[in-house]
C-alpha atoms as a PDB file:
ATOM      1  CA  UNK A   1      -3.541 -16.180  68.754  1.00  0.00           C
ATOM      2  CA  UNK A   2      -5.526 -13.155  68.337  1.00  0.00           C
ATOM      3  CA  UNK A   3      -8.044 -14.271  71.117  1.00  0.00           C
ATOM      4  CA  UNK A   4      -5.456 -15.686  73.276  1.00  0.00           C
ATOM      5  CA  UNK A   5      -6.641 -19.545  73.138  1.00  0.00           C
ATOM      6  CA  UNK A   6      -4.226 -22.136  73.541  1.00  0.00           C
ATOM      7  CA  UNK A   7      -2.242 -22.985  70.459  1.00  0.00           C
ATOM      8  CA  UNK A   8      -3.334 -26.560  70.886  1.00  0.00           C
ATOM      9  CA  UNK A   9      -6.946 -26.086  71.296  1.00  0.00           C
ATOM     10  CA  UNK A  10      -7.597 -26.967  67.432  1.00  0.00           C
ATOM     11  CA  UNK A  11      -5.757 -29.998  66.052  1.00  0.00           C
ATOM     12  CA  UNK A  12      -5.892 -31.516  62.567  1.00  0.00           C
ATOM     13  CA  UNK A  13      -4.645 -35.069  62.513  1.00  0.00           C
ATOM     14  CA  UNK A  14      -4.747 -37.173  59.196  1.00  0.00           C
ATOM     15  CA  UNK A  15      -3.180 -40.130  57.609  1.00  0.00           C
ATOM     16  CA  UNK A  16      -3.499 -42.479  60.715  1.00  0.00           C
ATOM     17  CA  UNK A  17      -4.142 -46.092  60.959  1.00  0.00           C
ATOM     18  CA  UNK A  18      -7.486 -47.393  62.995  1.00  0.00           C
ATOM     19  CA  UNK A  19      -5.329 -48.354  65.873  1.00  0.00           C
ATOM     20  CA  UNK A  20      -3.602 -44.972  66.225  1.00  0.00           C
ATOM     21  CA  UNK A  21      -6.825 -42.976  65.453  1.00  0.00           C
ATOM     22  CA  UNK A  22      -8.575 -45.000  68.128  1.00  0.00           C
ATOM     23  CA  UNK A  23      -5.927 -44.127  70.797  1.00  0.00           C
ATOM     24  CA  UNK A  24      -6.348 -40.449  69.762  1.00  0.00           C
ATOM     25  CA  UNK A  25     -10.308 -40.107  70.250  1.00  0.00           C
ATOM     26  CA  UNK A  26      -9.924 -42.073  73.458  1.00  0.00           C
ATOM     27  CA  UNK A  27      -7.348 -40.010  75.018  1.00  0.00           C
ATOM     28  CA  UNK A  28      -8.790 -38.344  78.238  1.00  0.00           C
ATOM     29  CA  UNK A  29      -7.200 -35.002  77.113  1.00  0.00           C
ATOM     30  CA  UNK A  30      -9.394 -34.953  73.995  1.00  0.00           C
ATOM     31  CA  UNK A  31     -12.536 -32.803  74.226  1.00  0.00           C
ATOM     32  CA  UNK A  32     -14.425 -33.604  70.963  1.00  0.00           C
ATOM     33  CA  UNK A  33     -13.805 -34.987  67.321  1.00  0.00           C
ATOM     34  CA  UNK A  34     -14.831 -34.004  64.088  1.00  0.00           C
ATOM     35  CA  UNK A  35     -14.080 -36.936  61.395  1.00  0.00           C
ATOM     36  CA  UNK A  36     -14.566 -36.755  57.471  1.00  0.00           C
ATOM     37  CA  UNK A  37     -13.495 -39.909  55.599  1.00  0.00           C
ATOM     38  CA  UNK A  38     -14.809 -43.457  54.923  1.00  0.00           C
ATOM     39  CA  UNK A  39     -17.596 -45.145  56.477  1.00  0.00           C
ATOM     40  CA  UNK A  40     -15.530 -48.056  57.830  1.00  0.00           C
ATOM     41  CA  UNK A  41     -12.906 -45.718  59.275  1.00  0.00           C
ATOM     42  CA  UNK A  42     -15.423 -43.356  61.150  1.00  0.00           C
ATOM     43  CA  UNK A  43     -17.507 -45.986  62.604  1.00  0.00           C
ATOM     44  CA  UNK A  44     -14.393 -47.579  63.980  1.00  0.00           C
ATOM     45  CA  UNK A  45     -13.240 -44.328  65.632  1.00  0.00           C
ATOM     46  CA  UNK A  46     -17.191 -43.949  66.760  1.00  0.00           C
ATOM     47  CA  UNK A  47     -16.723 -47.087  68.611  1.00  0.00           C
ATOM     48  CA  UNK A  48     -13.649 -46.261  70.614  1.00  0.00           C
ATOM     49  CA  UNK A  49     -14.774 -42.619  71.235  1.00  0.00           C
ATOM     50  CA  UNK A  50     -18.329 -43.870  72.634  1.00  0.00           C
ATOM     51  CA  UNK A  51     -16.902 -46.361  74.934  1.00  0.00           C
ATOM     52  CA  UNK A  52     -15.126 -43.318  76.880  1.00  0.00           C
ATOM     53  CA  UNK A  53     -17.753 -40.900  76.037  1.00  0.00           C
ATOM     54  CA  UNK A  54     -16.274 -38.547  73.932  1.00  0.00           C
ATOM     55  CA  UNK A  55     -18.435 -36.546  71.333  1.00  0.00           C
ATOM     56  CA  UNK A  56     -17.555 -37.510  67.732  1.00  0.00           C
ATOM     57  CA  UNK A  57     -19.003 -36.004  64.604  1.00  0.00           C
ATOM     58  CA  UNK A  58     -18.778 -37.934  61.697  1.00  0.00           C
ATOM     59  CA  UNK A  59     -19.111 -36.976  58.046  1.00  0.00           C
ATOM     60  CA  UNK A  60     -18.954 -40.327  56.051  1.00  0.00           C
ATOM     61  CA  UNK A  61     -20.216 -41.276  52.754  1.00  0.00           C
ATOM     62  CA  UNK A  62     -22.953 -39.712  50.445  1.00  0.00           C
ATOM     63  CA  UNK A  63     -23.998 -40.449  46.677  1.00  0.00           C
ATOM     64  CA  UNK A  64     -25.951 -36.911  46.676  1.00  0.00           C
ATOM     65  CA  UNK A  65     -28.621 -37.890  44.391  1.00  0.00           C
ATOM     66  CA  UNK A  66     -29.700 -35.574  41.468  1.00  0.00           C
ATOM     67  CA  UNK A  67     -32.832 -36.116  39.683  1.00  0.00           C
ATOM     68  CA  UNK A  68     -33.500 -34.707  36.192  1.00  0.00           C
ATOM     69  CA  UNK A  69     -37.160 -34.639  35.427  1.00  0.00           C
ATOM     70  CA  UNK A  70     -38.506 -35.290  31.717  1.00  0.00           C
ATOM     71  CA  UNK A  71     -39.580 -31.613  31.119  1.00  0.00           C
ATOM     72  CA  UNK A  72     -36.214 -30.271  31.858  1.00  0.00           C
ATOM     73  CA  UNK A  73     -34.207 -32.730  29.951  1.00  0.00           C
ATOM     74  CA  UNK A  74     -36.318 -31.561  26.951  1.00  0.00           C
ATOM     75  CA  UNK A  75     -35.862 -27.924  27.736  1.00  0.00           C
ATOM     76  CA  UNK A  76     -32.417 -27.782  28.407  1.00  0.00           C
ATOM     77  CA  UNK A  77     -30.686 -31.135  27.993  1.00  0.00           C
ATOM     78  CA  UNK A  78     -27.412 -30.042  26.352  1.00  0.00           C
ATOM     79  CA  UNK A  79     -26.496 -27.327  29.162  1.00  0.00           C
ATOM     80  CA  UNK A  80     -27.257 -29.657  31.879  1.00  0.00           C
ATOM     81  CA  UNK A  81     -25.041 -32.281  30.447  1.00  0.00           C
ATOM     82  CA  UNK A  82     -22.315 -29.862  30.729  1.00  0.00           C
ATOM     83  CA  UNK A  83     -23.081 -28.494  34.173  1.00  0.00           C
ATOM     84  CA  UNK A  84     -23.360 -32.198  35.391  1.00  0.00           C
ATOM     85  CA  UNK A  85     -20.024 -33.235  33.920  1.00  0.00           C
ATOM     86  CA  UNK A  86     -18.168 -30.162  35.247  1.00  0.00           C
ATOM     87  CA  UNK A  87     -19.884 -30.742  38.784  1.00  0.00           C
ATOM     88  CA  UNK A  88     -18.994 -34.494  38.678  1.00  0.00           C
ATOM     89  CA  UNK A  89     -15.310 -34.368  37.431  1.00  0.00           C
ATOM     90  CA  UNK A  90     -14.418 -31.121  39.416  1.00  0.00           C
ATOM     91  CA  UNK A  91     -11.529 -31.896  41.824  1.00  0.00           C
ATOM     92  CA  UNK A  92     -11.399 -35.519  40.195  1.00  0.00           C
ATOM     93  CA  UNK A  93     -14.762 -35.978  42.059  1.00  0.00           C
ATOM     94  CA  UNK A  94     -13.350 -35.826  45.253  1.00  0.00           C
ATOM     95  CA  UNK A  95     -15.712 -33.546  47.327  1.00  0.00           C
ATOM     96  CA  UNK A  96     -18.258 -34.916  50.113  1.00  0.00           C
ATOM     97  CA  UNK A  97     -21.138 -33.509  47.677  1.00  0.00           C
ATOM     98  CA  UNK A  98     -20.184 -34.962  44.641  1.00  0.00           C
ATOM     99  CA  UNK A  99     -23.128 -36.136  42.360  1.00  0.00           C
ATOM    100  CA  UNK A 100     -22.678 -39.747  42.388  1.00  0.00           C
ATOM    101  CA  UNK A 101     -26.176 -40.834  41.729  1.00  0.00           C
ATOM    102  CA  UNK A 102     -28.291 -39.581  38.747  1.00  0.00           C
ATOM    103  CA  UNK A 103     -32.241 -40.388  38.556  1.00  0.00           C
ATOM    104  CA  UNK A 104     -33.790 -40.225  35.206  1.00  0.00           C
ATOM    105  CA  UNK A 105     -37.243 -41.356  33.641  1.00  0.00           C
ATOM    106  CA  UNK A 106     -37.195 -43.437  30.551  1.00  0.00           C
ATOM    107  CA  UNK A 107     -37.365 -41.509  27.178  1.00  0.00           C
ATOM    108  CA  UNK A 108     -35.554 -40.991  23.900  1.00  0.00           C
ATOM    109  CA  UNK A 109     -34.526 -37.714  25.241  1.00  0.00           C
ATOM    110  CA  UNK A 110     -33.039 -39.453  28.342  1.00  0.00           C
ATOM    111  CA  UNK A 111     -30.934 -41.663  26.157  1.00  0.00           C
ATOM    112  CA  UNK A 112     -29.447 -38.960  24.041  1.00  0.00           C
ATOM    113  CA  UNK A 113     -28.625 -37.103  27.501  1.00  0.00           C
ATOM    114  CA  UNK A 114     -26.894 -40.056  28.682  1.00  0.00           C
ATOM    115  CA  UNK A 115     -24.952 -40.426  25.505  1.00  0.00           C
ATOM    116  CA  UNK A 116     -23.904 -36.923  25.541  1.00  0.00           C
ATOM    117  CA  UNK A 117     -22.590 -37.227  29.138  1.00  0.00           C
ATOM    118  CA  UNK A 118     -20.607 -40.391  28.012  1.00  0.00           C
ATOM    119  CA  UNK A 119     -19.089 -38.571  25.155  1.00  0.00           C
ATOM    120  CA  UNK A 120     -17.974 -35.750  27.563  1.00  0.00           C
ATOM    121  CA  UNK A 121     -16.689 -38.134  30.335  1.00  0.00           C
ATOM    122  CA  UNK A 122     -14.606 -39.958  27.717  1.00  0.00           C
ATOM    123  CA  UNK A 123     -13.034 -36.716  26.352  1.00  0.00           C
ATOM    124  CA  UNK A 124     -12.383 -34.927  29.572  1.00  0.00           C
ATOM    125  CA  UNK A 125      -8.615 -35.791  31.120  1.00  0.00           C
ATOM    126  CA  UNK A 126      -8.635 -37.848  33.999  1.00  0.00           C
ATOM    127  CA  UNK A 127      -7.288 -36.027  37.267  1.00  0.00           C
ATOM    128  CA  UNK A 128      -5.390 -36.883  40.129  1.00  0.00           C
ATOM    129  CA  UNK A 129      -6.635 -38.866  43.188  1.00  0.00           C
ATOM    130  CA  UNK A 130      -5.467 -37.939  46.413  1.00  0.00           C
ATOM    131  CA  UNK A 131      -3.755 -41.219  47.161  1.00  0.00           C
ATOM    132  CA  UNK A 132      -3.176 -44.698  46.369  1.00  0.00           C
ATOM    133  CA  UNK A 133      -5.751 -45.527  48.893  1.00  0.00           C
ATOM    134  CA  UNK A 134      -8.300 -43.536  47.163  1.00  0.00           C
ATOM    135  CA  UNK A 135      -7.378 -45.128  43.825  1.00  0.00           C
ATOM    136  CA  UNK A 136      -7.933 -48.747  45.388  1.00  0.00           C
ATOM    137  CA  UNK A 137     -11.149 -47.670  46.837  1.00  0.00           C
ATOM    138  CA  UNK A 138     -12.368 -46.322  43.700  1.00  0.00           C
ATOM    139  CA  UNK A 139     -11.448 -49.549  41.778  1.00  0.00           C
ATOM    140  CA  UNK A 140     -13.082 -51.648  44.314  1.00  0.00           C
ATOM    141  CA  UNK A 141     -16.260 -49.536  44.563  1.00  0.00           C
ATOM    142  CA  UNK A 142     -16.232 -49.876  40.737  1.00  0.00           C
ATOM    143  CA  UNK A 143     -16.102 -53.400  40.911  1.00  0.00           C
ATOM    144  CA  UNK A 144     -19.029 -53.702  43.190  1.00  0.00           C
ATOM    145  CA  UNK A 145     -21.220 -51.935  41.048  1.00  0.00           C
ATOM    146  CA  UNK A 146     -20.170 -54.152  37.919  1.00  0.00           C
ATOM    147  CA  UNK A 147     -20.615 -57.259  39.893  1.00  0.00           C
ATOM    148  CA  UNK A 148     -24.186 -56.381  41.006  1.00  0.00           C
ATOM    149  CA  UNK A 149     -25.157 -55.639  37.220  1.00  0.00           C
ATOM    150  CA  UNK A 150     -24.306 -52.178  36.492  1.00  0.00           C
ATOM    151  CA  UNK A 151     -23.344 -51.571  33.075  1.00  0.00           C
ATOM    152  CA  UNK A 152     -20.187 -49.693  32.233  1.00  0.00           C
ATOM    153  CA  UNK A 153     -20.628 -46.805  29.808  1.00  0.00           C
ATOM    154  CA  UNK A 154     -16.941 -45.213  30.206  1.00  0.00           C
ATOM    155  CA  UNK A 155     -13.783 -45.576  32.297  1.00  0.00           C
ATOM    156  CA  UNK A 156     -13.765 -48.272  34.878  1.00  0.00           C
ATOM    157  CA  UNK A 157     -10.058 -48.641  35.052  1.00  0.00           C
ATOM    158  CA  UNK A 158      -6.788 -46.939  36.331  1.00  0.00           C
ATOM    159  CA  UNK A 159      -5.744 -44.311  33.890  1.00  0.00           C
ATOM    160  CA  UNK A 160      -2.310 -44.727  32.132  1.00  0.00           C
ATOM    161  CA  UNK A 161      -0.710 -41.510  33.338  1.00  0.00           C
ATOM    162  CA  UNK A 162       1.689 -40.512  35.936  1.00  0.00           C
ATOM    163  CA  UNK A 163       0.258 -40.316  39.586  1.00  0.00           C
ATOM    164  CA  UNK A 164      -2.916 -41.979  40.986  1.00  0.00           C
ATOM    165  CA  UNK A 165      -5.604 -41.759  38.445  1.00  0.00           C
ATOM    166  CA  UNK A 166      -8.749 -43.595  37.290  1.00  0.00           C
ATOM    167  CA  UNK A 167     -10.182 -42.917  34.148  1.00  0.00           C
ATOM    168  CA  UNK A 168     -13.430 -40.848  34.136  1.00  0.00           C
ATOM    169  CA  UNK A 169     -16.308 -43.531  34.785  1.00  0.00           C
ATOM    170  CA  UNK A 170     -19.776 -43.607  34.303  1.00  0.00           C
ATOM    171  CA  UNK A 171     -22.402 -46.567  35.023  1.00  0.00           C
ATOM    172  CA  UNK A 172     -25.966 -47.096  34.020  1.00  0.00           C
ATOM    173  CA  UNK A 173     -28.600 -49.510  35.603  1.00  0.00           C
ATOM    174  CA  UNK A 174     -32.373 -49.707  35.201  1.00  0.00           C
ATOM    175  CA  UNK A 175     -34.699 -48.850  38.150  1.00  0.00           C
ATOM    176  CA  UNK A 176     -35.514 -52.718  38.499  1.00  0.00           C
ATOM    177  CA  UNK A 177     -31.964 -53.406  38.906  1.00  0.00           C
ATOM    178  CA  UNK A 178     -31.488 -50.849  41.387  1.00  0.00           C
ATOM    179  CA  UNK A 179     -34.442 -52.005  43.444  1.00  0.00           C
ATOM    180  CA  UNK A 180     -33.135 -55.610  43.377  1.00  0.00           C
ATOM    181  CA  UNK A 181     -29.808 -54.426  45.266  1.00  0.00           C
ATOM    182  CA  UNK A 182     -30.296 -50.927  46.755  1.00  0.00           C
ATOM    183  CA  UNK A 183     -27.557 -51.432  49.246  1.00  0.00           C
ATOM    184  CA  UNK A 184     -24.837 -52.406  46.911  1.00  0.00           C
ATOM    185  CA  UNK A 185     -25.972 -49.984  44.045  1.00  0.00           C
ATOM    186  CA  UNK A 186     -25.451 -47.183  46.614  1.00  0.00           C
ATOM    187  CA  UNK A 187     -21.726 -48.301  47.097  1.00  0.00           C
ATOM    188  CA  UNK A 188     -19.916 -44.861  46.920  1.00  0.00           C
ATOM    189  CA  UNK A 189     -17.147 -44.718  44.338  1.00  0.00           C
ATOM    190  CA  UNK A 190     -15.396 -41.678  45.634  1.00  0.00           C
ATOM    191  CA  UNK A 191     -13.746 -39.725  42.806  1.00  0.00           C
ATOM    192  CA  UNK A 192     -14.412 -39.043  39.201  1.00  0.00           C
ATOM    193  CA  UNK A 193     -17.503 -41.547  38.852  1.00  0.00           C
ATOM    194  CA  UNK A 194     -21.249 -41.355  38.854  1.00  0.00           C
ATOM    195  CA  UNK A 195     -24.114 -43.981  38.424  1.00  0.00           C
ATOM    196  CA  UNK A 196     -27.142 -43.401  36.169  1.00  0.00           C
ATOM    197  CA  UNK A 197     -30.490 -44.869  37.120  1.00  0.00           C
ATOM    198  CA  UNK A 198     -33.051 -44.830  34.673  1.00  0.00           C
ATOM    199  CA  UNK A 199     -36.657 -45.351  36.232  1.00  0.00           C
ATOM    200  CA  UNK A 200     -39.485 -46.905  33.924  1.00  0.00           C
ATOM    201  CA  UNK A 201     -42.010 -44.729  35.553  1.00  0.00           C
ATOM    202  CA  UNK A 202     -42.847 -42.202  38.290  1.00  0.00           C
ATOM    203  CA  UNK A 203     -44.203 -44.904  40.580  1.00  0.00           C
ATOM    204  CA  UNK A 204     -40.585 -46.923  40.218  1.00  0.00           C
ATOM    205  CA  UNK A 205     -38.925 -43.356  40.943  1.00  0.00           C
ATOM    206  CA  UNK A 206     -40.635 -43.180  44.181  1.00  0.00           C
ATOM    207  CA  UNK A 207     -39.630 -46.668  44.985  1.00  0.00           C
ATOM    208  CA  UNK A 208     -36.034 -45.936  44.341  1.00  0.00           C
ATOM    209  CA  UNK A 209     -36.116 -42.683  46.552  1.00  0.00           C
ATOM    210  CA  UNK A 210     -37.761 -44.698  49.417  1.00  0.00           C
ATOM    211  CA  UNK A 211     -34.808 -46.892  49.234  1.00  0.00           C
ATOM    212  CA  UNK A 212     -32.206 -44.215  49.511  1.00  0.00           C
ATOM    213  CA  UNK A 213     -29.596 -44.163  52.323  1.00  0.00           C
ATOM    214  CA  UNK A 214     -29.072 -40.572  54.009  1.00  0.00           C
ATOM    215  CA  UNK A 215     -27.234 -38.216  51.847  1.00  0.00           C
ATOM    216  CA  UNK A 216     -25.640 -34.825  52.452  1.00  0.00           C
ATOM    217  CA  UNK A 217     -27.771 -33.517  49.612  1.00  0.00           C
ATOM    218  CA  UNK A 218     -30.555 -34.097  47.071  1.00  0.00           C
ATOM    219  CA  UNK A 219     -31.157 -31.834  43.843  1.00  0.00           C
ATOM    220  CA  UNK A 220     -34.114 -31.993  41.581  1.00  0.00           C
ATOM    221  CA  UNK A 221     -34.064 -30.270  38.346  1.00  0.00           C
ATOM    222  CA  UNK A 222     -37.394 -29.388  36.608  1.00  0.00           C
ATOM    223  CA  UNK A 223     -38.875 -27.614  33.553  1.00  0.00           C
ATOM    224  CA  UNK A 224     -39.159 -23.633  34.139  1.00  0.00           C
ATOM    225  CA  UNK A 225     -42.690 -23.388  33.114  1.00  0.00           C
ATOM    226  CA  UNK A 226     -44.125 -25.965  35.418  1.00  0.00           C
ATOM    227  CA  UNK A 227     -44.515 -29.007  33.293  1.00  0.00           C
ATOM    228  CA  UNK A 228     -42.759 -31.081  35.989  1.00  0.00           C
ATOM    229  CA  UNK A 229     -44.738 -29.612  38.978  1.00  0.00           C
ATOM    230  CA  UNK A 230     -46.902 -32.575  39.683  1.00  0.00           C
ATOM    231  CA  UNK A 231     -43.884 -34.991  39.587  1.00  0.00           C
ATOM    232  CA  UNK A 232     -41.915 -32.551  41.904  1.00  0.00           C
ATOM    233  CA  UNK A 233     -45.012 -32.933  44.484  1.00  0.00           C
ATOM    234  CA  UNK A 234     -44.886 -36.486  44.266  1.00  0.00           C
ATOM    235  CA  UNK A 235     -41.078 -36.895  44.946  1.00  0.00           C
ATOM    236  CA  UNK A 236     -39.835 -33.729  46.754  1.00  0.00           C
ATOM    237  CA  UNK A 237     -41.425 -34.928  50.365  1.00  0.00           C
ATOM    238  CA  UNK A 238     -39.728 -38.265  50.136  1.00  0.00           C
ATOM    239  CA  UNK A 239     -36.043 -36.861  48.968  1.00  0.00           C
ATOM    240  CA  UNK A 240     -36.716 -34.295  51.717  1.00  0.00           C
ATOM    241  CA  UNK A 241     -36.164 -36.926  54.428  1.00  0.00           C
ATOM    242  CA  UNK A 242     -33.363 -38.543  53.069  1.00  0.00           C
ATOM    243  CA  UNK A 243     -31.100 -35.484  52.688  1.00  0.00           C
ATOM    244  CA  UNK A 244     -29.689 -32.545  54.759  1.00  0.00           C
ATOM    245  CA  UNK A 245     -29.800 -30.002  51.891  1.00  0.00           C
ATOM    246  CA  UNK A 246     -32.298 -30.135  49.561  1.00  0.00           C
ATOM    247  CA  UNK A 247     -31.481 -28.297  46.176  1.00  0.00           C
ATOM    248  CA  UNK A 248     -33.595 -27.015  43.057  1.00  0.00           C
ATOM    249  CA  UNK A 249     -31.991 -26.767  39.741  1.00  0.00           C
ATOM    250  CA  UNK A 250     -28.424 -26.584  41.378  1.00  0.00           C
ATOM    251  CA  UNK A 251     -25.491 -28.832  41.228  1.00  0.00           C
ATOM    252  CA  UNK A 252     -24.595 -29.863  45.026  1.00  0.00           C
ATOM    253  CA  UNK A 253     -20.827 -28.972  44.907  1.00  0.00           C
ATOM    254  CA  UNK A 254     -21.175 -25.295  45.876  1.00  0.00           C
ATOM    255  CA  UNK A 255     -21.170 -25.037  49.712  1.00  0.00           C
ATOM    256  CA  UNK A 256     -21.721 -21.506  50.919  1.00  0.00           C
ATOM    257  CA  UNK A 257     -20.164 -21.142  54.399  1.00  0.00           C
ATOM    258  CA  UNK A 258     -22.964 -19.185  56.007  1.00  0.00           C
ATOM    259  CA  UNK A 259     -25.566 -19.502  58.765  1.00  0.00           C
ATOM    260  CA  UNK A 260     -28.172 -20.973  56.745  1.00  0.00           C
ATOM    261  CA  UNK A 261     -26.001 -23.870  55.484  1.00  0.00           C
ATOM    262  CA  UNK A 262     -26.534 -27.347  56.325  1.00  0.00           C
ATOM    263  CA  UNK A 263     -23.639 -29.643  55.460  1.00  0.00           C
ATOM    264  CA  UNK A 264     -24.764 -32.637  57.318  1.00  0.00           C
ATOM    265  CA  UNK A 265     -27.637 -35.180  56.806  1.00  0.00           C
ATOM    266  CA  UNK A 266     -29.267 -38.679  57.915  1.00  0.00           C
ATOM    267  CA  UNK A 267     -26.856 -41.752  58.374  1.00  0.00           C
ATOM    268  CA  UNK A 268     -24.699 -42.646  56.522  1.00  0.00           C
ATOM    269  CA  UNK A 269     -24.036 -39.302  55.403  1.00  0.00           C
ATOM    270  CA  UNK A 270     -23.001 -38.128  58.728  1.00  0.00           C
ATOM    271  CA  UNK A 271     -23.070 -40.152  62.153  1.00  0.00           C
ATOM    272  CA  UNK A 272     -25.973 -37.911  63.528  1.00  0.00           C
ATOM    273  CA  UNK A 273     -28.561 -35.702  61.480  1.00  0.00           C
ATOM    274  CA  UNK A 274     -28.759 -33.167  64.044  1.00  0.00           C
ATOM    275  CA  UNK A 275     -25.233 -31.123  63.217  1.00  0.00           C
ATOM    276  CA  UNK A 276     -23.626 -29.259  60.196  1.00  0.00           C
ATOM    277  CA  UNK A 277     -19.790 -29.233  59.724  1.00  0.00           C
ATOM    278  CA  UNK A 278     -20.243 -25.910  57.617  1.00  0.00           C
ATOM    279  CA  UNK A 279     -21.895 -22.900  58.728  1.00  0.00           C
ATOM    280  CA  UNK A 280     -21.416 -20.279  61.555  1.00  0.00           C
ATOM    281  CA  UNK A 281     -22.148 -20.468  64.648  1.00  0.00           C
ATOM    282  CA  UNK A 282     -24.137 -23.959  64.280  1.00  0.00           C
ATOM    283  CA  UNK A 283     -21.071 -25.761  63.207  1.00  0.00           C
ATOM    284  CA  UNK A 284     -18.992 -24.340  66.189  1.00  0.00           C
ATOM    285  CA  UNK A 285     -21.725 -25.325  68.862  1.00  0.00           C
ATOM    286  CA  UNK A 286     -21.460 -28.912  68.075  1.00  0.00           C
ATOM    287  CA  UNK A 287     -17.847 -28.509  70.068  1.00  0.00           C
ATOM    288  CA  UNK A 288     -19.374 -26.525  72.888  1.00  0.00           C
ATOM    289  CA  UNK A 289     -19.701 -28.182  76.328  1.00  0.00           C
ATOM    290  CA  UNK A 290     -23.238 -26.920  78.176  1.00  0.00           C
ATOM    291  CA  UNK A 291     -22.792 -25.025  81.344  1.00  0.00           C
ATOM    292  CA  UNK A 292     -25.423 -24.114  83.717  1.00  0.00           C
ATOM    293  CA  UNK A 293     -25.243 -21.895  86.915  1.00  0.00           C
ATOM    294  CA  UNK A 294     -28.139 -22.397  89.330  1.00  0.00           C
ATOM    295  CA  UNK A 295     -28.517 -20.287  92.367  1.00  0.00           C
ATOM    296  CA  UNK A 296     -24.663 -19.424  92.082  1.00  0.00           C
ATOM    297  CA  UNK A 297     -23.802 -16.245  94.358  1.00  0.00           C
ATOM    298  CA  UNK A 298     -23.429 -13.196  91.776  1.00  0.00           C
ATOM    299  CA  UNK A 299     -19.733 -12.760  92.871  1.00  0.00           C
ATOM    300  CA  UNK A 300     -19.026 -16.261  91.896  1.00  0.00           C
ATOM    301  CA  UNK A 301     -20.505 -16.267  88.376  1.00  0.00           C
ATOM    302  CA  UNK A 302     -18.264 -15.837  85.217  1.00  0.00           C
ATOM    303  CA  UNK A 303     -17.842 -12.252  84.312  1.00  0.00           C
ATOM    304  CA  UNK A 304     -20.202 -12.662  81.208  1.00  0.00           C
ATOM    305  CA  UNK A 305     -23.160 -13.740  83.419  1.00  0.00           C
ATOM    306  CA  UNK A 306     -22.823 -11.190  86.206  1.00  0.00           C
ATOM    307  CA  UNK A 307     -25.355  -8.398  86.186  1.00  0.00           C
ATOM    308  CA  UNK A 308     -23.037  -5.785  84.741  1.00  0.00           C
ATOM    309  CA  UNK A 309     -22.454  -6.317  81.028  1.00  0.00           C
ATOM    310  CA  UNK A 310     -18.448  -6.637  81.096  1.00  0.00           C
ATOM    311  CA  UNK A 311     -17.718  -4.450  78.075  1.00  0.00           C
ATOM    312  CA  UNK A 312     -21.052  -2.964  77.185  1.00  0.00           C
ATOM    313  CA  UNK A 313     -21.329  -4.341  73.871  1.00  0.00           C
ATOM    314  CA  UNK A 314     -21.684  -8.305  74.262  1.00  0.00           C
ATOM    315  CA  UNK A 315     -24.946  -9.262  73.348  1.00  0.00           C
ATOM    316  CA  UNK A 316     -26.533 -11.676  76.122  1.00  0.00           C
ATOM    317  CA  UNK A 317     -30.240 -13.126  76.054  1.00  0.00           C
ATOM    318  CA  UNK A 318     -31.875 -12.203  79.266  1.00  0.00           C
ATOM    319  CA  UNK A 319     -35.748 -13.063  79.645  1.00  0.00           C
ATOM    320  CA  UNK A 320     -35.994 -14.397  76.037  1.00  0.00           C
ATOM    321  CA  UNK A 321     -34.731 -10.882  74.760  1.00  0.00           C
ATOM    322  CA  UNK A 322     -31.435 -10.134  72.943  1.00  0.00           C
ATOM    323  CA  UNK A 323     -29.695  -7.245  74.728  1.00  0.00           C
ATOM    324  CA  UNK A 324     -26.397  -5.409  75.578  1.00  0.00           C
ATOM    325  CA  UNK A 325     -27.739  -3.799  78.698  1.00  0.00           C
ATOM    326  CA  UNK A 326     -27.011  -4.639  82.361  1.00  0.00           C
ATOM    327  CA  UNK A 327     -29.459  -6.918  84.171  1.00  0.00           C
END
């Protein structure tokens, strides 16, 4: 209203079936579409939008791997267990950046850490999920992991409480099991759930990372005095290519709306790695249509492109320099 834009310029539509969604995204009156939701629904919409040439920006599934190196587990494992549990169960795990895949190396400290997390998951209350469909998807994804060989450490069932709830759920597998079926082991269980993968050594950890799908985020926790630096140097370049945002010593659930933020990533985290849905102005430019005026007479140009700056304060790039001056 303040800028005089049409009231229907931006519309938010939700809880539609695939058929109705397909009609919306292929309508000639639609300029561009942003979508957040499941991979199957997003790709169904993309097929319809692509057929009529409508730009569609998809934010789909992401397990957001978090790597805990041996040194940092010894240094501050107790606090990390608390931090991870809080991040994973916050909002009943219903964040795009929920830490759904945890990567560790075999050790006694690792097993103690896993036991500590298990206790925290079991003692925390089960939150409410957004809808029955989310609960059904949660239980279906959990079954896929179990059928593929994952060990259930906690939860795994619908919670006996009012509303759509599932128990806080924790799975565990070995690095070898992950590599036997990497696609199924990366099934997103959207909600208050996470899968722990324990690699036997650094070489196997590298193999696991090379088999990761695209994700919004990837986090690496390492010992503060440099004990894990060699391992970091070995795995960070691989993880860097798999994620949109690489974090150190920080959970992925914090997303700052700033020009530096990238809330995107390689497929299937998003439909295309070249955009972000958070951060200004980059998140706005994905909905911009490029216009070029070539040899157009000066009086026919839009006011903003004419030689005189229309208000004397608008920044324009002229000959590679930003300026508010007239041409």
